[in-house]
Amino acid sequence: MSFANCWAHIRRYWLKADSKNGKIGLEYCDQLYRLERQYKLHLSLGKRRKAQQKQSKPIVVKFQEWVDKPPFFGKTP
């Protein structure tokens, strides 16, 4: 089972964290936002979906791996 959340809300939590981990979490979110801005400006919907799978998905996977490691697992932001 996968848990999904809104990246805008996740980003807001990392901004509030004001710590080393908060900055790391914020950078993951900002990487995705930068890519989405590029996609929106330069790609059609079909190409955007392919680009997300190719470029955004690895960032999300790395983020999830980072969050799944201690001290995060089972804790609130």
N, C-alpha and C. Protein backbone atom coordinates (compact mmCIF):
# COMPACT_ATOMS: atom_id res chain seq x y z
N MET A 1 0.84 -1.18 0.00
CA MET A 1 0.00 0.00 0.00
C MET A 1 0.88 1.24 0.00
N SER A 2 0.51 2.23 -0.80
CA SER A 2 1.27 3.47 -0.88
C SER A 2 0.47 4.61 -0.27
N PHE A 3 1.18 5.49 0.39
CA PHE A 3 0.56 6.68 0.95
C PHE A 3 0.94 7.87 0.07
N ALA A 4 -0.03 8.67 -0.29
CA ALA A 4 0.23 9.84 -1.12
C ALA A 4 -0.27 11.08 -0.39
N ASN A 5 0.41 12.17 -0.61
CA ASN A 5 0.04 13.43 0.01
C ASN A 5 0.31 14.54 -0.99
N CYS A 6 -0.24 15.68 -0.75
CA CYS A 6 -0.05 16.85 -1.59
C CYS A 6 1.36 17.42 -1.35
N TRP A 7 2.12 17.62 -2.43
CA TRP A 7 3.50 18.12 -2.29
C TRP A 7 3.53 19.53 -1.70
N ALA A 8 2.49 20.31 -1.94
CA ALA A 8 2.45 21.66 -1.35
C ALA A 8 2.37 21.57 0.17
N HIS A 9 1.59 20.63 0.69
CA HIS A 9 1.50 20.46 2.14
C HIS A 9 2.79 19.88 2.70
N ILE A 10 3.36 18.92 2.01
CA ILE A 10 4.63 18.34 2.47
C ILE A 10 5.70 19.43 2.53
N ARG A 11 5.75 20.26 1.48
CA ARG A 11 6.75 21.33 1.42
C ARG A 11 6.56 22.29 2.61
N ARG A 12 5.32 22.61 2.91
CA ARG A 12 5.02 23.52 4.02
C ARG A 12 5.52 22.94 5.34
N TYR A 13 5.36 21.63 5.55
CA TYR A 13 5.85 20.99 6.78
C TYR A 13 7.37 21.10 6.88
N TRP A 14 8.07 20.92 5.74
CA TRP A 14 9.53 21.01 5.78
C TRP A 14 9.97 22.44 6.04
N LEU A 15 9.23 23.42 5.54
CA LEU A 15 9.57 24.82 5.83
C LEU A 15 9.46 25.10 7.33
N LYS A 16 8.45 24.53 7.96
CA LYS A 16 8.25 24.73 9.39
C LYS A 16 9.31 24.01 10.23
N ALA A 17 9.88 22.94 9.69
CA ALA A 17 10.84 22.14 10.46
C ALA A 17 12.08 22.92 10.86
N ASP A 18 12.56 23.83 10.00
CA ASP A 18 13.70 24.69 10.32
C ASP A 18 14.86 23.91 10.96
N SER A 19 15.29 22.87 10.26
CA SER A 19 16.40 22.04 10.73
C SER A 19 17.17 21.53 9.52
N LYS A 20 18.23 20.78 9.78
CA LYS A 20 18.99 20.19 8.68
C LYS A 20 18.09 19.29 7.84
N ASN A 21 17.32 18.44 8.49
CA ASN A 21 16.41 17.57 7.76
C ASN A 21 15.31 18.36 7.05
N GLY A 22 14.88 19.44 7.66
CA GLY A 22 13.89 20.30 7.02
C GLY A 22 14.41 20.87 5.70
N LYS A 23 15.67 21.25 5.70
CA LYS A 23 16.28 21.79 4.48
C LYS A 23 16.43 20.70 3.42
N ILE A 24 16.77 19.50 3.84
CA ILE A 24 16.90 18.40 2.89
C ILE A 24 15.53 18.08 2.29
N GLY A 25 14.52 17.96 3.13
CA GLY A 25 13.17 17.68 2.65
C GLY A 25 12.67 18.77 1.72
N LEU A 26 12.95 20.01 2.06
CA LEU A 26 12.55 21.14 1.21
C LEU A 26 13.23 21.07 -0.14
N GLU A 27 14.48 20.66 -0.18
CA GLU A 27 15.21 20.56 -1.45
C GLU A 27 14.59 19.50 -2.36
N TYR A 28 14.17 18.38 -1.80
CA TYR A 28 13.48 17.37 -2.61
C TYR A 28 12.23 17.97 -3.25
N CYS A 29 11.45 18.66 -2.45
CA CYS A 29 10.22 19.29 -2.97
C CYS A 29 10.55 20.33 -4.04
N ASP A 30 11.55 21.15 -3.78
CA ASP A 30 11.91 22.19 -4.74
C ASP A 30 12.42 21.61 -6.06
N GLN A 31 13.11 20.47 -6.01
CA GLN A 31 13.54 19.82 -7.25
C GLN A 31 12.32 19.46 -8.09
N LEU A 32 11.29 18.92 -7.46
CA LEU A 32 10.07 18.56 -8.19
C LEU A 32 9.36 19.79 -8.74
N TYR A 33 9.30 20.84 -7.95
CA TYR A 33 8.65 22.07 -8.40
C TYR A 33 9.38 22.68 -9.61
N ARG A 34 10.72 22.65 -9.58
CA ARG A 34 11.48 23.18 -10.72
C ARG A 34 11.17 22.39 -12.00
N LEU A 35 11.14 21.07 -11.87
CA LEU A 35 10.83 20.25 -13.04
C LEU A 35 9.42 20.53 -13.55
N GLU A 36 8.46 20.64 -12.65
CA GLU A 36 7.08 20.88 -13.07
C GLU A 36 6.93 22.22 -13.78
N ARG A 37 7.66 23.22 -13.33
CA ARG A 37 7.61 24.52 -14.03
C ARG A 37 8.13 24.38 -15.46
N GLN A 38 9.22 23.62 -15.61
CA GLN A 38 9.77 23.38 -16.95
C GLN A 38 8.78 22.62 -17.82
N TYR A 39 8.16 21.59 -17.25
CA TYR A 39 7.21 20.79 -18.01
C TYR A 39 6.03 21.65 -18.48
N LYS A 40 5.52 22.45 -17.57
CA LYS A 40 4.34 23.26 -17.88
C LYS A 40 4.62 24.25 -19.00
N LEU A 41 5.81 24.80 -19.03
CA LEU A 41 6.17 25.79 -20.04
C LEU A 41 6.50 25.18 -21.39
N HIS A 42 7.06 23.98 -21.39
CA HIS A 42 7.65 23.47 -22.63
C HIS A 42 7.05 22.18 -23.18
N LEU A 43 6.17 21.51 -22.43
CA LEU A 43 5.72 20.21 -22.88
C LEU A 43 4.19 20.11 -22.94
N SER A 44 3.71 19.32 -23.89
CA SER A 44 2.29 19.01 -23.95
C SER A 44 1.96 18.05 -22.82
N LEU A 45 0.67 17.80 -22.59
CA LEU A 45 0.27 16.92 -21.49
C LEU A 45 0.86 15.52 -21.63
N GLY A 46 0.83 14.96 -22.83
CA GLY A 46 1.37 13.63 -23.04
C GLY A 46 2.86 13.55 -22.78
N LYS A 47 3.59 14.53 -23.27
CA LYS A 47 5.04 14.56 -23.06
C LYS A 47 5.38 14.86 -21.60
N ARG A 48 4.51 15.65 -20.98
CA ARG A 48 4.73 15.99 -19.57
C ARG A 48 4.66 14.72 -18.71
N ARG A 49 3.69 13.87 -19.00
CA ARG A 49 3.53 12.62 -18.25
C ARG A 49 4.77 11.73 -18.40
N LYS A 50 5.28 11.63 -19.61
CA LYS A 50 6.48 10.82 -19.85
C LYS A 50 7.69 11.41 -19.12
N ALA A 51 7.81 12.73 -19.15
CA ALA A 51 8.93 13.39 -18.48
C ALA A 51 8.84 13.19 -16.96
N GLN A 52 7.62 13.23 -16.43
CA GLN A 52 7.45 13.01 -14.99
C GLN A 52 7.91 11.61 -14.61
N GLN A 53 7.55 10.62 -15.41
CA GLN A 53 7.97 9.25 -15.12
C GLN A 53 9.49 9.11 -15.19
N LYS A 54 10.09 9.81 -16.15
CA LYS A 54 11.53 9.69 -16.35
C LYS A 54 12.34 10.51 -15.35
N GLN A 55 11.92 11.75 -15.09
CA GLN A 55 12.73 12.66 -14.28
C GLN A 55 12.22 12.86 -12.85
N SER A 56 10.92 12.95 -12.67
CA SER A 56 10.37 13.22 -11.34
C SER A 56 10.30 11.97 -10.47
N LYS A 57 9.96 10.85 -11.06
CA LYS A 57 9.80 9.63 -10.28
C LYS A 57 11.06 9.26 -9.49
N PRO A 58 12.27 9.35 -10.08
CA PRO A 58 13.47 9.02 -9.29
C PRO A 58 13.65 9.94 -8.07
N ILE A 59 13.24 11.19 -8.19
CA ILE A 59 13.34 12.12 -7.05
C ILE A 59 12.38 11.68 -5.95
N VAL A 60 11.17 11.31 -6.33
CA VAL A 60 10.18 10.86 -5.37
C VAL A 60 10.64 9.57 -4.69
N VAL A 61 11.22 8.66 -5.44
CA VAL A 61 11.72 7.41 -4.89
C VAL A 61 12.84 7.69 -3.88
N LYS A 62 13.78 8.57 -4.22
CA LYS A 62 14.87 8.91 -3.30
C LYS A 62 14.33 9.58 -2.04
N PHE A 63 13.35 10.46 -2.22
CA PHE A 63 12.71 11.13 -1.08
C PHE A 63 12.09 10.08 -0.15
N GLN A 64 11.34 9.15 -0.73
CA GLN A 64 10.67 8.12 0.08
C GLN A 64 11.69 7.25 0.81
N GLU A 65 12.77 6.90 0.14
CA GLU A 65 13.82 6.11 0.80
C GLU A 65 14.42 6.88 1.96
N TRP A 66 14.65 8.18 1.77
CA TRP A 66 15.21 9.02 2.82
C TRP A 66 14.27 9.11 4.02
N VAL A 67 12.98 9.30 3.75
CA VAL A 67 12.00 9.43 4.83
C VAL A 67 11.78 8.11 5.55
N ASP A 68 11.91 7.00 4.85
CA ASP A 68 11.69 5.69 5.47
C ASP A 68 12.81 5.25 6.41
N LYS A 69 13.93 5.95 6.37
CA LYS A 69 15.05 5.63 7.27
C LYS A 69 14.87 6.37 8.59
N PRO A 70 15.40 5.82 9.68
CA PRO A 70 15.36 6.54 10.95
C PRO A 70 16.05 7.89 10.79
N PRO A 71 15.64 8.94 11.42
CA PRO A 71 14.71 9.01 12.54
C PRO A 71 13.26 9.25 12.12
N PHE A 72 12.92 9.16 10.85
CA PHE A 72 11.59 9.54 10.40
C PHE A 72 10.53 8.48 10.55
N PHE A 73 10.86 7.24 10.33
CA PHE A 73 9.85 6.20 10.26
C PHE A 73 9.02 6.18 11.54
N GLY A 74 7.70 6.32 11.37
CA GLY A 74 6.79 6.27 12.51
C GLY A 74 6.68 7.56 13.30
N LYS A 75 7.27 8.64 12.77
CA LYS A 75 7.21 9.91 13.48
C LYS A 75 6.48 10.95 12.64
N THR A 76 6.01 11.99 13.29
CA THR A 76 5.38 13.10 12.59
C THR A 76 6.47 14.03 12.07
N PRO A 77 6.14 14.92 11.09
CA PRO A 77 7.14 15.84 10.55
C PRO A 77 7.78 16.70 11.63
